[in-house]
C-alpha cells in the first residue's frame, strides 16, 4: 500500500511539473513563475483546485485551502505575499471590512471576525470599523482577532491569542486571552524585505488597483 502511495505521489508530482511547463507561457498564469521565490509559492494546482472543486472560493483573488472559509471577500483587501486562509482551518469574515498589509503571515486555524452580533437580535450585526493588520506581521496558529482591532506593522501575535483590542503602534509581541503586550521590538532591527516579483494573490501588484476598483468594495 505504501508503495502505491509513493507511486501516486511521484506521478502527481511529475504531472504538476508538466502542467506548469505547459501553462507557464500563458499570461494569466504568470503567478506560477512570479511567486516561486515568495513565502507563499502559488502553484497551478492551487488555482485549479479552487476553480473546479471549491465553489465558494471560485471568485477569490488569492489561493485558499479547501478547509478554510472566506466570507464577504469583496470587503477584504490583502497585500503582497499575504494569503489569509491559505493554511488549514481558517475563518476570515469580512462583512465590515478587513485590510491586511504586505508580507503578513497568517497561520492555520486563525479566525478574523470583522462583524459582531447584536446582543438583542442575533440575526443582525452591529456596525463596526474594519479590522486593520499592518505589514510584516505574524499571526500564529489558533488566534482569534475580533471586530475593530488594529495591529500596526511588525506585530507578532502568539499562538492561541484572542485579540480584543488594538495595538496600532506595532513593533511588539502580543499573546494571551485577552491578548496583552509581552515585549516591544526594536524598529531598527526589523527587516522590510521585498519579493523580486510582487503579487497580491494571483494578481501582479501593478494591476491590483485596477482589479480593486472593478471588483472590491
N, C-alpha and C. Protein backbone atom coordinates (compact mmCIF):
# COMPACT_ATOMS: atom_id res chain seq x y z
N UNK A 1 0.83 -1.20 0.00
CA UNK A 1 0.00 0.00 0.00
C UNK A 1 0.86 1.26 0.00
N UNK A 2 1.87 1.27 0.86
CA UNK A 2 2.78 2.42 0.90
C UNK A 2 3.49 2.61 -0.43
N UNK A 3 3.81 1.50 -1.09
CA UNK A 3 4.46 1.57 -2.40
C UNK A 3 3.55 2.26 -3.42
N UNK A 4 2.25 1.91 -3.40
CA UNK A 4 1.29 2.51 -4.34
C UNK A 4 1.12 4.01 -4.06
N UNK A 5 1.13 4.37 -2.78
CA UNK A 5 1.02 5.79 -2.42
C UNK A 5 2.22 6.56 -2.93
N UNK A 6 3.40 5.96 -2.81
CA UNK A 6 4.63 6.61 -3.31
C UNK A 6 4.58 6.78 -4.82
N UNK A 7 4.10 5.76 -5.52
CA UNK A 7 3.96 5.84 -6.99
C UNK A 7 2.98 6.95 -7.36
N UNK A 8 1.84 6.98 -6.65
CA UNK A 8 0.83 8.02 -6.92
C UNK A 8 1.42 9.41 -6.70
N UNK A 9 2.13 9.59 -5.59
CA UNK A 9 2.71 10.89 -5.29
C UNK A 9 3.73 11.32 -6.34
N UNK A 10 4.52 10.36 -6.81
CA UNK A 10 5.52 10.65 -7.85
C UNK A 10 4.82 11.05 -9.14
N UNK A 11 3.79 10.29 -9.53
CA UNK A 11 3.06 10.61 -10.77
C UNK A 11 2.43 11.99 -10.68
N UNK A 12 1.81 12.30 -9.53
CA UNK A 12 1.20 13.62 -9.34
C UNK A 12 2.24 14.72 -9.42
N UNK A 13 3.41 14.48 -8.82
CA UNK A 13 4.49 15.47 -8.84
C UNK A 13 4.91 15.79 -10.27
N UNK A 14 5.15 14.75 -11.07
CA UNK A 14 5.61 14.98 -12.44
C UNK A 14 4.49 15.53 -13.33
N UNK A 15 3.25 15.13 -13.05
CA UNK A 15 2.13 15.69 -13.81
C UNK A 15 2.00 17.19 -13.54
N UNK A 16 2.16 17.58 -12.28
CA UNK A 16 2.08 19.00 -11.94
C UNK A 16 3.21 19.77 -12.61
N UNK A 17 4.42 19.18 -12.63
CA UNK A 17 5.56 19.82 -13.30
C UNK A 17 5.26 20.02 -14.78
N UNK A 18 4.66 19.00 -15.42
CA UNK A 18 4.34 19.09 -16.84
C UNK A 18 3.29 20.18 -17.09
N UNK A 19 2.26 20.22 -16.24
CA UNK A 19 1.21 21.24 -16.40
C UNK A 19 1.80 22.63 -16.22
N UNK A 20 2.67 22.79 -15.22
CA UNK A 20 3.33 24.08 -15.01
C UNK A 20 4.08 24.52 -16.26
N UNK A 21 4.80 23.57 -16.85
CA UNK A 21 5.58 23.87 -18.06
C UNK A 21 4.67 24.30 -19.21
N UNK A 22 3.49 23.67 -19.33
CA UNK A 22 2.60 23.94 -20.44
C UNK A 22 1.85 25.28 -20.28
N UNK A 23 1.46 25.61 -19.04
CA UNK A 23 0.64 26.81 -18.85
C UNK A 23 1.47 28.05 -18.53
N UNK A 24 2.76 27.86 -18.19
CA UNK A 24 3.60 28.99 -17.79
C UNK A 24 3.65 30.12 -18.83
N UNK A 25 3.67 29.82 -20.14
CA UNK A 25 3.72 30.91 -21.12
C UNK A 25 2.43 31.73 -21.21
N UNK A 26 1.33 31.21 -20.65
CA UNK A 26 0.06 31.92 -20.72
C UNK A 26 0.08 33.07 -19.71
N UNK A 27 -0.12 34.32 -20.14
CA UNK A 27 -0.01 35.47 -19.23
C UNK A 27 -0.86 35.35 -17.97
N UNK A 28 -2.04 34.76 -18.08
CA UNK A 28 -2.94 34.64 -16.93
C UNK A 28 -2.30 33.87 -15.78
N UNK A 29 -1.40 32.93 -16.12
CA UNK A 29 -0.79 32.08 -15.10
C UNK A 29 0.63 32.51 -14.76
N UNK A 30 0.95 33.78 -14.95
CA UNK A 30 2.31 34.23 -14.66
C UNK A 30 2.64 34.19 -13.16
N UNK A 31 1.60 34.03 -12.32
CA UNK A 31 1.86 33.91 -10.88
C UNK A 31 2.68 32.66 -10.54
N UNK A 32 2.64 31.65 -11.39
CA UNK A 32 3.40 30.41 -11.11
C UNK A 32 4.89 30.72 -11.05
N UNK A 33 5.39 31.41 -12.07
CA UNK A 33 6.80 31.78 -12.10
C UNK A 33 7.07 32.95 -11.16
N UNK A 34 6.12 33.89 -11.10
CA UNK A 34 6.33 35.12 -10.35
C UNK A 34 6.43 34.93 -8.85
N UNK A 35 5.78 33.88 -8.32
CA UNK A 35 5.78 33.67 -6.86
C UNK A 35 6.69 32.52 -6.42
N UNK A 36 7.52 32.02 -7.31
CA UNK A 36 8.31 30.82 -6.97
C UNK A 36 9.32 31.08 -5.85
N UNK A 37 9.71 32.34 -5.64
CA UNK A 37 10.64 32.67 -4.56
C UNK A 37 9.95 33.39 -3.40
N UNK A 38 8.63 33.46 -3.43
CA UNK A 38 7.88 34.13 -2.37
C UNK A 38 7.68 33.19 -1.19
N UNK A 39 7.23 33.74 -0.08
CA UNK A 39 6.91 32.92 1.09
C UNK A 39 5.79 31.93 0.74
N UNK A 40 4.77 32.44 0.03
CA UNK A 40 3.69 31.58 -0.45
C UNK A 40 3.88 31.38 -1.95
N UNK A 41 4.33 30.20 -2.33
CA UNK A 41 4.57 29.87 -3.73
C UNK A 41 3.27 29.32 -4.32
N UNK A 42 2.63 30.12 -5.14
CA UNK A 42 1.32 29.74 -5.67
C UNK A 42 1.50 28.83 -6.88
N UNK A 43 0.88 27.67 -6.81
CA UNK A 43 1.01 26.66 -7.87
C UNK A 43 -0.24 26.63 -8.73
N UNK A 44 -0.08 26.04 -9.91
CA UNK A 44 -1.24 25.86 -10.78
C UNK A 44 -2.30 25.01 -10.09
N UNK A 45 -1.87 24.02 -9.31
CA UNK A 45 -2.83 23.15 -8.61
C UNK A 45 -3.66 23.94 -7.60
N UNK A 46 -3.09 25.00 -7.00
CA UNK A 46 -3.86 25.85 -6.10
C UNK A 46 -5.02 26.50 -6.84
N UNK A 47 -4.70 27.05 -8.00
CA UNK A 47 -5.73 27.72 -8.81
C UNK A 47 -6.77 26.71 -9.30
N UNK A 48 -6.30 25.55 -9.82
CA UNK A 48 -7.21 24.55 -10.38
C UNK A 48 -8.15 24.00 -9.32
N UNK A 49 -7.61 23.68 -8.17
CA UNK A 49 -8.43 23.14 -7.07
C UNK A 49 -9.50 24.14 -6.65
N UNK A 50 -9.14 25.40 -6.63
CA UNK A 50 -10.07 26.44 -6.20
C UNK A 50 -11.18 26.65 -7.21
N UNK A 51 -10.82 26.68 -8.48
CA UNK A 51 -11.80 26.96 -9.53
C UNK A 51 -12.74 25.78 -9.75
N UNK A 52 -12.20 24.56 -9.73
CA UNK A 52 -13.01 23.38 -10.07
C UNK A 52 -13.70 22.74 -8.88
N UNK A 53 -13.04 22.75 -7.73
CA UNK A 53 -13.53 21.92 -6.62
C UNK A 53 -13.94 22.71 -5.38
N UNK A 54 -13.80 24.03 -5.38
CA UNK A 54 -14.21 24.84 -4.22
C UNK A 54 -15.12 25.96 -4.70
N UNK A 55 -16.40 25.65 -4.94
CA UNK A 55 -17.31 26.67 -5.49
C UNK A 55 -17.35 27.96 -4.69
N UNK A 56 -17.27 27.87 -3.35
CA UNK A 56 -17.35 29.08 -2.53
C UNK A 56 -16.09 29.93 -2.64
N UNK A 57 -15.00 29.35 -3.14
CA UNK A 57 -13.74 30.08 -3.29
C UNK A 57 -13.44 30.47 -4.73
N UNK A 58 -14.34 30.13 -5.63
CA UNK A 58 -14.05 30.22 -7.06
C UNK A 58 -13.66 31.62 -7.52
N UNK A 59 -14.24 32.65 -6.91
CA UNK A 59 -14.01 34.02 -7.38
C UNK A 59 -13.01 34.79 -6.53
N UNK A 60 -12.37 34.12 -5.58
CA UNK A 60 -11.36 34.79 -4.76
C UNK A 60 -10.14 35.13 -5.59
N UNK A 61 -9.46 36.22 -5.23
CA UNK A 61 -8.28 36.63 -5.98
C UNK A 61 -6.99 36.15 -5.34
N UNK A 62 -7.09 35.31 -4.34
CA UNK A 62 -5.91 34.69 -3.73
C UNK A 62 -6.23 33.23 -3.42
N UNK A 63 -5.21 32.36 -3.29
CA UNK A 63 -5.46 30.93 -3.03
C UNK A 63 -5.86 30.68 -1.59
N UNK A 64 -6.80 29.79 -1.40
CA UNK A 64 -7.33 29.45 -0.07
C UNK A 64 -7.43 27.93 0.04
N UNK A 65 -7.09 27.40 1.20
CA UNK A 65 -7.19 25.96 1.44
C UNK A 65 -8.66 25.54 1.47
N UNK A 66 -9.00 24.35 0.95
CA UNK A 66 -10.41 23.93 0.93
C UNK A 66 -11.06 23.87 2.31
N UNK A 67 -10.26 23.66 3.36
CA UNK A 67 -10.83 23.58 4.71
C UNK A 67 -11.05 24.95 5.35
N UNK A 68 -10.59 26.01 4.70
CA UNK A 68 -10.79 27.36 5.22
C UNK A 68 -12.04 27.98 4.61
N UNK A 69 -12.59 28.97 5.30
CA UNK A 69 -13.81 29.63 4.85
C UNK A 69 -13.57 31.13 4.78
N UNK A 70 -13.92 31.73 3.63
CA UNK A 70 -13.82 33.17 3.44
C UNK A 70 -15.22 33.71 3.18
N UNK A 71 -15.64 34.69 3.97
CA UNK A 71 -16.96 35.30 3.79
C UNK A 71 -16.81 36.78 3.48
N UNK A 72 -17.62 37.28 2.54
CA UNK A 72 -17.62 38.69 2.14
C UNK A 72 -16.24 39.10 1.62
N UNK A 73 -15.73 38.33 0.66
CA UNK A 73 -14.36 38.57 0.18
C UNK A 73 -14.21 39.93 -0.49
N UNK A 74 -15.30 40.49 -1.01
CA UNK A 74 -15.19 41.79 -1.66
C UNK A 74 -14.85 42.91 -0.69
N UNK A 75 -15.00 42.65 0.60
CA UNK A 75 -14.63 43.63 1.62
C UNK A 75 -13.25 43.36 2.21
N UNK A 76 -12.52 42.43 1.63
CA UNK A 76 -11.20 42.05 2.16
C UNK A 76 -10.12 42.50 1.19
N UNK A 77 -9.18 43.28 1.69
CA UNK A 77 -8.07 43.77 0.86
C UNK A 77 -6.77 43.27 1.49
N UNK A 78 -6.02 42.50 0.71
CA UNK A 78 -4.77 41.93 1.21
C UNK A 78 -3.58 42.55 0.49
N UNK A 79 -2.39 42.34 1.06
CA UNK A 79 -1.17 42.89 0.48
C UNK A 79 -0.36 41.84 -0.25
N UNK A 80 0.86 42.22 -0.58
CA UNK A 80 1.77 41.36 -1.32
C UNK A 80 2.15 40.14 -0.48
N UNK A 81 2.13 38.96 -1.10
CA UNK A 81 2.58 37.71 -0.46
C UNK A 81 1.84 37.46 0.86
N UNK A 82 0.55 37.78 0.86
CA UNK A 82 -0.29 37.62 2.06
C UNK A 82 -1.56 36.91 1.64
N UNK A 83 -1.80 35.71 2.15
CA UNK A 83 -2.96 34.93 1.72
C UNK A 83 -3.70 34.36 2.93
N UNK A 84 -4.57 35.13 3.58
CA UNK A 84 -5.32 34.60 4.72
C UNK A 84 -6.21 33.43 4.30
N UNK A 85 -6.10 32.33 5.03
CA UNK A 85 -6.87 31.15 4.67
C UNK A 85 -6.10 30.18 3.80
N UNK A 86 -4.87 30.51 3.43
CA UNK A 86 -4.06 29.57 2.64
C UNK A 86 -3.73 28.33 3.46
N UNK A 87 -3.57 28.52 4.78
CA UNK A 87 -3.36 27.41 5.69
C UNK A 87 -4.71 26.80 6.09
N UNK A 88 -4.68 25.63 6.67
CA UNK A 88 -5.89 24.89 7.01
C UNK A 88 -6.73 25.58 8.10
N UNK A 89 -8.05 25.39 7.98
CA UNK A 89 -8.95 25.66 9.08
C UNK A 89 -9.18 27.09 9.48
N UNK A 90 -8.94 28.04 8.59
CA UNK A 90 -9.14 29.45 8.92
C UNK A 90 -10.59 29.89 8.63
N UNK A 91 -11.04 30.89 9.36
CA UNK A 91 -12.32 31.53 9.07
C UNK A 91 -12.09 33.03 9.03
N UNK A 92 -12.25 33.61 7.84
CA UNK A 92 -11.99 35.03 7.62
C UNK A 92 -13.32 35.67 7.20
N UNK A 93 -13.89 36.49 8.06
CA UNK A 93 -15.21 37.07 7.80
C UNK A 93 -15.07 38.58 7.61
N UNK A 94 -15.33 39.03 6.39
CA UNK A 94 -15.05 40.42 6.03
C UNK A 94 -16.27 41.32 5.93
N UNK A 95 -17.34 41.01 6.63
CA UNK A 95 -18.58 41.79 6.47
C UNK A 95 -18.35 43.29 6.66
N UNK A 96 -17.59 43.69 7.67
CA UNK A 96 -17.33 45.11 7.92
C UNK A 96 -15.97 45.56 7.41
N UNK A 97 -15.29 44.71 6.68
CA UNK A 97 -14.02 45.09 6.07
C UNK A 97 -12.81 44.57 6.82
N UNK A 98 -11.85 44.07 6.06
CA UNK A 98 -10.57 43.62 6.61
C UNK A 98 -9.48 44.12 5.67
N UNK A 99 -8.43 44.71 6.23
CA UNK A 99 -7.28 45.15 5.46
C UNK A 99 -6.03 44.52 6.07
N UNK A 100 -5.25 43.83 5.23
CA UNK A 100 -4.04 43.16 5.71
C UNK A 100 -2.88 43.61 4.83
N UNK A 101 -1.79 44.05 5.46
CA UNK A 101 -0.67 44.62 4.74
C UNK A 101 0.25 43.59 4.09
N UNK A 102 1.25 44.11 3.40
CA UNK A 102 2.21 43.27 2.67
C UNK A 102 3.01 42.37 3.61
N UNK A 103 3.27 41.16 3.11
CA UNK A 103 4.19 40.22 3.76
C UNK A 103 3.76 39.83 5.18
N UNK A 104 2.48 39.87 5.43
CA UNK A 104 1.96 39.40 6.72
C UNK A 104 1.57 37.93 6.59
N UNK A 105 1.98 37.14 7.55
CA UNK A 105 1.75 35.69 7.51
C UNK A 105 0.61 35.31 8.46
N UNK A 106 -0.34 34.54 7.92
CA UNK A 106 -1.50 34.07 8.68
C UNK A 106 -1.40 32.55 8.78
N UNK A 107 -1.29 32.02 9.99
CA UNK A 107 -1.10 30.59 10.19
C UNK A 107 -2.44 29.84 10.15
N UNK A 108 -2.39 28.55 10.50
CA UNK A 108 -3.57 27.68 10.44
C UNK A 108 -4.54 27.97 11.58
N UNK A 109 -5.82 27.67 11.33
CA UNK A 109 -6.88 27.76 12.35
C UNK A 109 -7.02 29.17 12.93
N UNK A 110 -6.78 30.17 12.11
CA UNK A 110 -6.93 31.56 12.55
C UNK A 110 -8.34 32.05 12.21
N UNK A 111 -8.95 32.76 13.14
CA UNK A 111 -10.23 33.41 12.89
C UNK A 111 -10.07 34.92 12.89
N UNK A 112 -10.60 35.57 11.86
CA UNK A 112 -10.63 37.03 11.81
C UNK A 112 -12.07 37.43 11.56
N UNK A 113 -12.71 38.00 12.57
CA UNK A 113 -14.15 38.24 12.58
C UNK A 113 -14.40 39.74 12.61
N UNK A 114 -14.84 40.30 11.48
CA UNK A 114 -14.99 41.75 11.41
C UNK A 114 -16.37 42.24 11.85
N UNK A 115 -17.32 41.33 12.04
CA UNK A 115 -18.68 41.73 12.41
C UNK A 115 -19.05 41.17 13.77
N UNK A 116 -19.90 41.89 14.47
CA UNK A 116 -20.32 41.50 15.81
C UNK A 116 -21.84 41.45 15.87
N UNK A 117 -22.39 40.36 16.41
CA UNK A 117 -23.85 40.23 16.50
C UNK A 117 -24.45 41.26 17.45
N UNK A 118 -25.65 41.70 17.10
CA UNK A 118 -26.46 42.50 18.02
C UNK A 118 -26.92 41.57 19.15
N UNK A 119 -26.62 41.92 20.39
CA UNK A 119 -26.94 41.05 21.51
C UNK A 119 -28.44 40.83 21.69
N UNK A 120 -29.27 41.75 21.20
CA UNK A 120 -30.71 41.65 21.37
C UNK A 120 -31.41 41.08 20.15
N UNK A 121 -30.70 40.95 19.06
CA UNK A 121 -31.27 40.34 17.85
C UNK A 121 -30.12 39.68 17.10
N UNK A 122 -29.96 38.39 17.30
CA UNK A 122 -28.79 37.69 16.78
C UNK A 122 -28.79 37.54 15.26
N UNK A 123 -29.88 37.94 14.62
CA UNK A 123 -29.89 37.94 13.16
C UNK A 123 -29.28 39.20 12.58
N UNK A 124 -29.05 40.18 13.43
CA UNK A 124 -28.48 41.45 12.99
C UNK A 124 -27.04 41.59 13.47
N UNK A 125 -26.29 42.44 12.77
CA UNK A 125 -24.92 42.73 13.16
C UNK A 125 -24.80 44.21 13.52
N UNK A 126 -23.95 44.49 14.49
CA UNK A 126 -23.67 45.88 14.85
C UNK A 126 -22.70 46.48 13.84
N UNK A 127 -22.85 47.75 13.48
CA UNK A 127 -21.85 48.39 12.59
C UNK A 127 -20.51 48.51 13.31
N UNK A 128 -19.45 48.14 12.63
CA UNK A 128 -18.11 48.16 13.23
C UNK A 128 -17.11 48.75 12.23
N UNK A 129 -16.03 49.29 12.75
CA UNK A 129 -14.93 49.73 11.90
C UNK A 129 -14.20 48.51 11.36
N UNK A 130 -13.55 48.63 10.20
CA UNK A 130 -12.81 47.49 9.64
C UNK A 130 -11.65 47.05 10.53
N UNK A 131 -11.31 45.79 10.44
CA UNK A 131 -10.10 45.28 11.06
C UNK A 131 -8.92 45.68 10.18
N UNK A 132 -7.84 46.15 10.80
CA UNK A 132 -6.64 46.51 10.04
C UNK A 132 -5.43 45.82 10.65
N UNK A 133 -4.72 45.09 9.81
CA UNK A 133 -3.49 44.39 10.22
C UNK A 133 -2.37 44.91 9.32
N UNK A 134 -1.29 45.37 9.92
CA UNK A 134 -0.24 46.04 9.17
C UNK A 134 0.65 45.11 8.36
N UNK A 135 1.76 45.66 7.94
CA UNK A 135 2.75 44.91 7.14
C UNK A 135 3.69 44.13 8.06
N UNK A 136 4.22 43.04 7.51
CA UNK A 136 5.24 42.24 8.20
C UNK A 136 4.78 41.76 9.58
N UNK A 137 3.52 41.42 9.68
CA UNK A 137 3.00 40.85 10.92
C UNK A 137 3.01 39.32 10.82
N UNK A 138 2.92 38.68 11.97
CA UNK A 138 2.80 37.22 12.04
C UNK A 138 1.66 36.89 12.98
N UNK A 139 0.66 36.17 12.46
CA UNK A 139 -0.47 35.72 13.26
C UNK A 139 -0.33 34.21 13.39
N UNK A 140 0.01 33.74 14.59
CA UNK A 140 0.31 32.33 14.80
C UNK A 140 -0.97 31.49 14.86
N UNK A 141 -0.80 30.18 15.04
CA UNK A 141 -1.93 29.25 14.99
C UNK A 141 -2.97 29.53 16.08
N UNK A 142 -4.23 29.26 15.71
CA UNK A 142 -5.35 29.28 16.66
C UNK A 142 -5.62 30.66 17.27
N UNK A 143 -5.24 31.70 16.55
CA UNK A 143 -5.51 33.07 17.01
C UNK A 143 -6.91 33.49 16.59
N UNK A 144 -7.57 34.29 17.42
CA UNK A 144 -8.85 34.90 17.08
C UNK A 144 -8.71 36.41 17.16
N UNK A 145 -9.02 37.10 16.05
CA UNK A 145 -8.97 38.57 16.01
C UNK A 145 -10.39 39.09 15.87
N UNK A 146 -10.81 39.92 16.80
CA UNK A 146 -12.20 40.36 16.89
C UNK A 146 -12.42 41.73 16.23
N UNK A 147 -13.69 42.13 16.06
CA UNK A 147 -14.01 43.36 15.31
C UNK A 147 -13.28 44.60 15.82
N UNK A 148 -12.98 45.48 14.86
CA UNK A 148 -12.41 46.82 15.08
C UNK A 148 -10.96 46.81 15.56
N UNK A 149 -10.33 45.66 15.61
CA UNK A 149 -8.93 45.59 16.05
C UNK A 149 -8.03 46.18 14.98
N UNK A 150 -7.03 46.92 15.40
CA UNK A 150 -5.99 47.44 14.51
C UNK A 150 -4.62 47.02 15.06
N UNK A 151 -3.83 46.37 14.22
CA UNK A 151 -2.48 45.94 14.59
C UNK A 151 -1.49 46.64 13.67
N UNK A 152 -0.52 47.33 14.24
CA UNK A 152 0.47 48.03 13.43
C UNK A 152 1.49 47.07 12.82
N UNK A 153 2.37 47.63 12.00
CA UNK A 153 3.42 46.83 11.35
C UNK A 153 4.25 46.08 12.39
N UNK A 154 4.71 44.89 11.98
CA UNK A 154 5.58 44.06 12.82
C UNK A 154 4.95 43.73 14.18
N UNK A 155 3.66 43.39 14.13
CA UNK A 155 3.01 42.85 15.33
C UNK A 155 3.05 41.32 15.25
N UNK A 156 3.60 40.69 16.26
CA UNK A 156 3.67 39.24 16.34
C UNK A 156 2.60 38.78 17.32
N UNK A 157 1.65 37.97 16.84
CA UNK A 157 0.55 37.51 17.69
C UNK A 157 0.81 36.05 18.04
N UNK A 158 1.01 35.77 19.32
CA UNK A 158 1.34 34.43 19.78
C UNK A 158 0.19 33.45 19.60
N UNK A 159 0.53 32.16 19.52
CA UNK A 159 -0.45 31.10 19.30
C UNK A 159 -1.54 31.11 20.36
N UNK A 160 -2.78 30.95 19.88
CA UNK A 160 -3.92 30.85 20.78
C UNK A 160 -4.42 32.16 21.34
N UNK A 161 -3.87 33.28 20.91
CA UNK A 161 -4.28 34.58 21.46
C UNK A 161 -5.69 34.95 20.99
N UNK A 162 -6.40 35.68 21.83
CA UNK A 162 -7.68 36.27 21.47
C UNK A 162 -7.48 37.78 21.53
N UNK A 163 -7.49 38.41 20.36
CA UNK A 163 -7.14 39.83 20.28
C UNK A 163 -8.43 40.64 20.31
N UNK A 164 -8.66 41.32 21.42
CA UNK A 164 -9.89 42.07 21.62
C UNK A 164 -9.70 43.58 21.52
N UNK A 165 -8.45 44.04 21.57
CA UNK A 165 -8.18 45.47 21.49
C UNK A 165 -7.02 45.73 20.53
N UNK A 166 -6.84 46.99 20.17
CA UNK A 166 -5.86 47.36 19.14
C UNK A 166 -4.48 47.59 19.73
N UNK A 167 -3.48 47.33 18.88
CA UNK A 167 -2.08 47.67 19.17
C UNK A 167 -1.55 48.40 17.94
N UNK A 168 -2.06 49.61 17.67
CA UNK A 168 -1.76 50.29 16.40
C UNK A 168 -0.31 50.71 16.25
N UNK A 169 0.42 50.80 17.35
CA UNK A 169 1.83 51.20 17.27
C UNK A 169 2.70 50.10 16.67
N UNK A 170 2.27 48.85 16.74
CA UNK A 170 3.02 47.74 16.18
C UNK A 170 4.35 47.51 16.88
N UNK A 171 5.27 46.82 16.19
CA UNK A 171 6.61 46.53 16.71
C UNK A 171 6.54 45.93 18.12
N UNK A 172 5.74 44.86 18.23
CA UNK A 172 5.58 44.26 19.54
C UNK A 172 5.16 42.80 19.40
N UNK A 173 5.27 42.06 20.51
CA UNK A 173 4.78 40.69 20.61
C UNK A 173 3.60 40.70 21.57
N UNK A 174 2.47 40.17 21.14
CA UNK A 174 1.29 40.09 22.00
C UNK A 174 0.85 38.63 22.10
N UNK A 175 0.21 38.29 23.20
CA UNK A 175 -0.27 36.92 23.39
C UNK A 175 -1.26 36.90 24.54
N UNK A 176 -2.00 35.77 24.66
CA UNK A 176 -2.90 35.58 25.78
C UNK A 176 -4.35 35.82 25.43
N UNK A 177 -5.22 35.60 26.42
CA UNK A 177 -6.67 35.80 26.27
C UNK A 177 -7.19 36.57 27.49
N UNK A 178 -7.48 37.87 27.30
CA UNK A 178 -7.30 38.67 26.08
C UNK A 178 -5.82 38.98 25.86
N UNK A 179 -5.47 39.27 24.60
CA UNK A 179 -4.07 39.50 24.25
C UNK A 179 -3.52 40.74 24.93
N UNK A 180 -2.30 40.59 25.45
CA UNK A 180 -1.59 41.70 26.07
C UNK A 180 -0.18 41.77 25.49
N UNK A 181 0.42 42.95 25.59
CA UNK A 181 1.77 43.12 25.07
C UNK A 181 2.76 42.43 26.01
N UNK A 182 3.62 41.59 25.41
CA UNK A 182 4.66 40.91 26.17
C UNK A 182 6.01 41.61 26.07
N UNK A 183 6.28 42.16 24.89
CA UNK A 183 7.55 42.87 24.71
C UNK A 183 7.47 43.77 23.50
N UNK A 184 8.34 44.77 23.46
CA UNK A 184 8.47 45.65 22.30
C UNK A 184 9.61 45.15 21.41
N UNK A 185 9.49 45.43 20.13
CA UNK A 185 10.55 45.13 19.17
C UNK A 185 11.28 46.41 18.78
N UNK A 186 12.55 46.30 18.50
CA UNK A 186 13.35 47.45 18.07
C UNK A 186 13.10 47.68 16.58
N UNK A 187 12.44 48.78 16.21
CA UNK A 187 12.17 49.03 14.78
C UNK A 187 13.43 49.01 13.92
N UNK A 188 14.56 49.41 14.48
CA UNK A 188 15.81 49.46 13.70
C UNK A 188 16.27 48.07 13.30
N UNK A 189 15.84 47.04 14.02
CA UNK A 189 16.26 45.67 13.72
C UNK A 189 15.25 44.92 12.86
N UNK A 190 14.08 45.50 12.63
CA UNK A 190 13.04 44.85 11.84
C UNK A 190 13.34 45.01 10.34
N UNK A 191 13.38 43.92 9.63
CA UNK A 191 13.79 43.90 8.22
C UNK A 191 12.56 43.97 7.31
N UNK A 192 12.55 44.97 6.44
CA UNK A 192 11.46 45.12 5.46
C UNK A 192 11.92 44.56 4.11
N UNK A 193 11.85 43.24 3.99
CA UNK A 193 12.24 42.57 2.75
C UNK A 193 11.18 42.75 1.68
N UNK A 194 11.55 42.50 0.43
CA UNK A 194 10.60 42.59 -0.68
C UNK A 194 10.90 41.46 -1.67
N UNK A 195 9.83 40.89 -2.25
CA UNK A 195 9.99 39.89 -3.30
C UNK A 195 10.47 40.57 -4.58
N UNK A 196 11.21 39.82 -5.37
CA UNK A 196 11.65 40.36 -6.66
C UNK A 196 10.46 40.66 -7.55
N UNK A 197 9.47 39.75 -7.56
CA UNK A 197 8.22 39.96 -8.27
C UNK A 197 7.10 40.01 -7.23
N UNK A 198 6.35 41.10 -7.20
CA UNK A 198 5.35 41.26 -6.15
C UNK A 198 3.95 40.93 -6.69
N UNK A 199 3.31 39.98 -6.02
CA UNK A 199 1.96 39.54 -6.39
C UNK A 199 1.04 39.68 -5.19
N UNK A 200 -0.17 40.10 -5.47
CA UNK A 200 -1.24 40.11 -4.47
C UNK A 200 -2.17 38.97 -4.86
N UNK A 201 -2.01 37.85 -4.21
CA UNK A 201 -2.70 36.64 -4.63
C UNK A 201 -2.25 36.24 -6.02
N UNK A 202 -3.23 36.07 -6.91
CA UNK A 202 -2.93 35.68 -8.29
C UNK A 202 -2.56 36.88 -9.17
N UNK A 203 -2.62 38.08 -8.63
CA UNK A 203 -2.56 39.30 -9.44
C UNK A 203 -1.25 40.06 -9.22
N UNK A 204 -0.63 40.51 -10.30
CA UNK A 204 0.55 41.37 -10.18
C UNK A 204 0.19 42.65 -9.43
N UNK A 205 1.12 43.11 -8.61
CA UNK A 205 0.84 44.28 -7.77
C UNK A 205 0.43 45.49 -8.61
N UNK A 206 1.09 45.70 -9.74
CA UNK A 206 0.80 46.88 -10.54
C UNK A 206 -0.58 46.83 -11.20
N UNK A 207 -1.20 45.64 -11.24
CA UNK A 207 -2.53 45.50 -11.82
C UNK A 207 -3.63 45.47 -10.76
N UNK A 208 -3.22 45.49 -9.49
CA UNK A 208 -4.22 45.25 -8.44
C UNK A 208 -5.17 46.44 -8.26
N UNK A 209 -4.68 47.66 -8.40
CA UNK A 209 -5.56 48.83 -8.23
C UNK A 209 -6.73 48.77 -9.20
N UNK A 210 -6.45 48.38 -10.43
CA UNK A 210 -7.50 48.27 -11.43
C UNK A 210 -8.50 47.19 -11.02
N UNK A 211 -7.99 46.05 -10.55
CA UNK A 211 -8.87 44.97 -10.10
C UNK A 211 -9.71 45.43 -8.91
N UNK A 212 -9.08 46.12 -7.96
CA UNK A 212 -9.78 46.56 -6.75
C UNK A 212 -10.92 47.51 -7.09
N UNK A 213 -10.67 48.45 -7.97
CA UNK A 213 -11.72 49.40 -8.36
C UNK A 213 -12.90 48.71 -9.02
N UNK A 214 -12.61 47.65 -9.75
CA UNK A 214 -13.65 46.98 -10.53
C UNK A 214 -14.45 45.97 -9.71
N UNK A 215 -13.78 45.26 -8.79
CA UNK A 215 -14.44 44.12 -8.15
C UNK A 215 -14.60 44.22 -6.63
N UNK A 216 -13.80 45.05 -5.94
CA UNK A 216 -13.87 45.09 -4.48
C UNK A 216 -14.63 46.31 -4.00
N UNK A 217 -15.06 46.28 -2.75
CA UNK A 217 -15.84 47.38 -2.19
C UNK A 217 -14.96 48.30 -1.38
